[in-house]
Amino acid sequence: MEPIEINAGSWYLRALRADERIDDRPALADGGITDPGYVANRVAQWADESHFSWAVCVPTTAEMIAEIGVTPDADGTALITGWAREGFDDALATGVESVTRFVAGALALTPRLSPELG
């Protein structure tokens, strides 16, 4: 599947990027993710549909402020996880609401929130 962009009100959700135009790696490092292959892995997971991930971004700057992930399970459910940079918990919550609707509507899976998302 190709990555799907989502408009979540005040926030914009897009695939993770690390290219000449947008580089999410500094924001990922703020979240404790320093693996140099992380973005490429997330792109590959969209292609094989094993995991879907979104960078939650400020629409005017494309700055990544949170990440939301969805892992489909064989039982027809999907686990939704996420984290936010300091001060952006509201963006994460809004993004999770939109992704939850996407999981149920577009993927026809039953969403399950990870314990840290409550």
C-alpha atoms as a PDB file:
ATOM      1  CA  MET A   1       0.000   0.000   0.000  1.00  0.00           C
ATOM      2  CA  GLU A   2       1.163   3.523  -0.691  1.00  0.00           C
ATOM      3  CA  PRO A   3       1.313   5.828   2.367  1.00  0.00           C
ATOM      4  CA  ILE A   4      -1.943   7.655   3.079  1.00  0.00           C
ATOM      5  CA  GLU A   5      -1.954  11.280   4.217  1.00  0.00           C
ATOM      6  CA  ILE A   6      -4.549  12.345   6.779  1.00  0.00           C
ATOM      7  CA  ASN A   7      -5.812  15.812   7.642  1.00  0.00           C
ATOM      8  CA  ALA A   8      -6.425  15.823  11.392  1.00  0.00           C
ATOM      9  CA  GLY A   9      -7.828  19.306  11.908  1.00  0.00           C
ATOM     10  CA  SER A  10      -4.969  21.462  13.162  1.00  0.00           C
ATOM     11  CA  TRP A  11      -2.430  18.747  12.341  1.00  0.00           C
ATOM     12  CA  TYR A  12      -1.292  17.001   9.195  1.00  0.00           C
ATOM     13  CA  LEU A  13      -0.316  13.315   9.137  1.00  0.00           C
ATOM     14  CA  ARG A  14       2.068  12.008   6.488  1.00  0.00           C
ATOM     15  CA  ALA A  15       4.584   9.226   5.981  1.00  0.00           C
ATOM     16  CA  LEU A  16       7.957   9.591   7.653  1.00  0.00           C
ATOM     17  CA  ARG A  17      10.618  11.173   5.459  1.00  0.00           C
ATOM     18  CA  ALA A  18      14.371  11.598   5.311  1.00  0.00           C
ATOM     19  CA  ASP A  19      15.208  13.237   2.013  1.00  0.00           C
ATOM     20  CA  GLU A  20      16.523  16.506   0.607  1.00  0.00           C
ATOM     21  CA  ARG A  21      13.228  18.317   1.305  1.00  0.00           C
ATOM     22  CA  ILE A  22      12.141  16.971   4.700  1.00  0.00           C
ATOM     23  CA  ASP A  23      14.209  15.118   7.287  1.00  0.00           C
ATOM     24  CA  ASP A  24      12.322  13.683  10.264  1.00  0.00           C
ATOM     25  CA  ARG A  25      15.439  12.161  11.845  1.00  0.00           C
ATOM     26  CA  PRO A  26      16.104  15.096  14.244  1.00  0.00           C
ATOM     27  CA  ALA A  27      12.523  14.892  15.525  1.00  0.00           C
ATOM     28  CA  LEU A  28      12.799  11.114  15.832  1.00  0.00           C
ATOM     29  CA  ALA A  29      15.993  11.579  17.871  1.00  0.00           C
ATOM     30  CA  ASP A  30      14.013  13.858  20.221  1.00  0.00           C
ATOM     31  CA  GLY A  31      11.735  10.848  20.710  1.00  0.00           C
ATOM     32  CA  GLY A  32      14.688   8.574  21.459  1.00  0.00           C
ATOM     33  CA  ILE A  33      14.765   6.934  18.012  1.00  0.00           C
ATOM     34  CA  THR A  34      18.284   7.091  16.593  1.00  0.00           C
ATOM     35  CA  ASP A  35      18.405   4.069  14.262  1.00  0.00           C
ATOM     36  CA  PRO A  36      19.657   5.438  10.900  1.00  0.00           C
ATOM     37  CA  GLY A  37      17.477   2.919   9.027  1.00  0.00           C
ATOM     38  CA  TYR A  38      14.273   3.712  10.912  1.00  0.00           C
ATOM     39  CA  VAL A  39      12.627   5.831   8.204  1.00  0.00           C
ATOM     40  CA  ALA A  40      13.515   3.378   5.419  1.00  0.00           C
ATOM     41  CA  ASN A  41      12.112   0.538   7.542  1.00  0.00           C
ATOM     42  CA  ARG A  42       8.838   2.409   8.053  1.00  0.00           C
ATOM     43  CA  VAL A  43       8.565   3.021   4.292  1.00  0.00           C
ATOM     44  CA  ALA A  44       9.124  -0.693   3.600  1.00  0.00           C
ATOM     45  CA  GLN A  45       6.459  -1.604   6.155  1.00  0.00           C
ATOM     46  CA  TRP A  46       3.872   0.491   4.291  1.00  0.00           C
ATOM     47  CA  ALA A  47       4.758  -1.451   1.134  1.00  0.00           C
ATOM     48  CA  ASP A  48       4.349  -4.872   2.744  1.00  0.00           C
ATOM     49  CA  GLU A  49       1.409  -3.693   4.913  1.00  0.00           C
ATOM     50  CA  SER A  50       2.968  -4.996   8.123  1.00  0.00           C
ATOM     51  CA  HIS A  51       2.920  -1.593   9.863  1.00  0.00           C
ATOM     52  CA  PHE A  52       1.558   1.828   8.977  1.00  0.00           C
ATOM     53  CA  SER A  53       3.091   4.955  10.468  1.00  0.00           C
ATOM     54  CA  TRP A  54       2.463   8.667  10.340  1.00  0.00           C
ATOM     55  CA  ALA A  55       4.473  11.714  11.259  1.00  0.00           C
ATOM     56  CA  VAL A  56       2.117  14.156  12.964  1.00  0.00           C
ATOM     57  CA  CYS A  57       3.186  17.551  11.624  1.00  0.00           C
ATOM     58  CA  VAL A  58       2.629  21.265  11.967  1.00  0.00           C
ATOM     59  CA  PRO A  59       0.868  22.111   8.666  1.00  0.00           C
ATOM     60  CA  THR A  60       2.714  25.368   8.047  1.00  0.00           C
ATOM     61  CA  THR A  61       6.239  24.004   8.546  1.00  0.00           C
ATOM     62  CA  ALA A  62       5.910  20.198   8.055  1.00  0.00           C
ATOM     63  CA  GLU A  63       7.838  19.811  11.341  1.00  0.00           C
ATOM     64  CA  MET A  64       7.274  16.377  12.869  1.00  0.00           C
ATOM     65  CA  ILE A  65       5.981  16.608  16.435  1.00  0.00           C
ATOM     66  CA  ALA A  66       4.670  13.077  17.036  1.00  0.00           C
ATOM     67  CA  GLU A  67       4.499   9.628  15.484  1.00  0.00           C
ATOM     68  CA  ILE A  68       1.540   7.252  15.294  1.00  0.00           C
ATOM     69  CA  GLY A  69       1.885   3.619  14.284  1.00  0.00           C
ATOM     70  CA  VAL A  70      -0.608   0.897  13.423  1.00  0.00           C
ATOM     71  CA  THR A  71       0.260  -2.791  13.456  1.00  0.00           C
ATOM     72  CA  PRO A  72      -2.425  -5.070  11.954  1.00  0.00           C
ATOM     73  CA  ASP A  73      -2.971  -8.429  13.627  1.00  0.00           C
ATOM     74  CA  ALA A  74      -4.218 -11.657  12.053  1.00  0.00           C
ATOM     75  CA  ASP A  75      -7.313 -11.565  14.293  1.00  0.00           C
ATOM     76  CA  GLY A  76      -8.788  -8.526  12.509  1.00  0.00           C
ATOM     77  CA  THR A  77      -7.564  -5.979  15.038  1.00  0.00           C
ATOM     78  CA  ALA A  78      -4.844  -3.355  14.811  1.00  0.00           C
ATOM     79  CA  LEU A  79      -2.694  -1.998  17.631  1.00  0.00           C
ATOM     80  CA  ILE A  80      -2.288   1.781  17.601  1.00  0.00           C
ATOM     81  CA  THR A  81       0.814   3.201  19.273  1.00  0.00           C
ATOM     82  CA  GLY A  82       2.336   6.635  19.428  1.00  0.00           C
ATOM     83  CA  TRP A  83       4.595   9.152  21.081  1.00  0.00           C
ATOM     84  CA  ALA A  84       4.898  12.931  21.028  1.00  0.00           C
ATOM     85  CA  ARG A  85       7.671  15.427  21.485  1.00  0.00           C
ATOM     86  CA  GLU A  86       7.460  17.409  24.704  1.00  0.00           C
ATOM     87  CA  GLY A  87       4.507  19.781  24.700  1.00  0.00           C
ATOM     88  CA  PHE A  88       2.620  18.103  21.856  1.00  0.00           C
ATOM     89  CA  ASP A  89       0.418  15.537  23.609  1.00  0.00           C
ATOM     90  CA  ASP A  90      -2.673  17.305  22.219  1.00  0.00           C
ATOM     91  CA  ALA A  91      -1.441  16.785  18.647  1.00  0.00           C
ATOM     92  CA  LEU A  92      -0.862  13.100  19.375  1.00  0.00           C
ATOM     93  CA  ALA A  93      -4.376  12.712  20.819  1.00  0.00           C
ATOM     94  CA  THR A  94      -5.978  14.426  17.828  1.00  0.00           C
ATOM     95  CA  GLY A  95      -3.919  12.347  15.418  1.00  0.00           C
ATOM     96  CA  VAL A  96      -4.818   9.118  17.197  1.00  0.00           C
ATOM     97  CA  GLU A  97      -8.531   9.946  16.818  1.00  0.00           C
ATOM     98  CA  SER A  98      -8.105  10.376  13.061  1.00  0.00           C
ATOM     99  CA  VAL A  99      -5.959   7.262  12.675  1.00  0.00           C
ATOM    100  CA  THR A 100      -8.482   5.235  14.704  1.00  0.00           C
ATOM    101  CA  ARG A 101     -11.206   6.232  12.230  1.00  0.00           C
ATOM    102  CA  PHE A 102      -8.885   5.319   9.317  1.00  0.00           C
ATOM    103  CA  VAL A 103      -8.164   1.891  10.809  1.00  0.00           C
ATOM    104  CA  ALA A 104     -11.854   1.117  11.264  1.00  0.00           C
ATOM    105  CA  GLY A 105     -13.110   2.631   8.006  1.00  0.00           C
ATOM    106  CA  ALA A 106     -10.377   2.187   5.401  1.00  0.00           C
ATOM    107  CA  LEU A 107      -8.627  -0.903   6.750  1.00  0.00           C
ATOM    108  CA  ALA A 108     -11.786  -2.562   8.160  1.00  0.00           C
ATOM    109  CA  LEU A 109      -9.893  -3.531  11.319  1.00  0.00           C
ATOM    110  CA  THR A 110     -10.909  -3.135  14.950  1.00  0.00           C
ATOM    111  CA  PRO A 111      -8.582  -0.558  16.529  1.00  0.00           C
ATOM    112  CA  ARG A 112      -6.909  -1.245  19.892  1.00  0.00           C
ATOM    113  CA  LEU A 113      -5.041   1.538  21.668  1.00  0.00           C
ATOM    114  CA  SER A 114      -1.726   0.708  23.324  1.00  0.00           C
ATOM    115  CA  PRO A 115      -1.775   1.174  27.119  1.00  0.00           C
ATOM    116  CA  GLU A 116       0.282   4.390  26.931  1.00  0.00           C
ATOM    117  CA  LEU A 117      -2.428   5.948  24.731  1.00  0.00           C
ATOM    118  CA  GLY A 118      -5.091   4.824  27.171  1.00  0.00           C
END
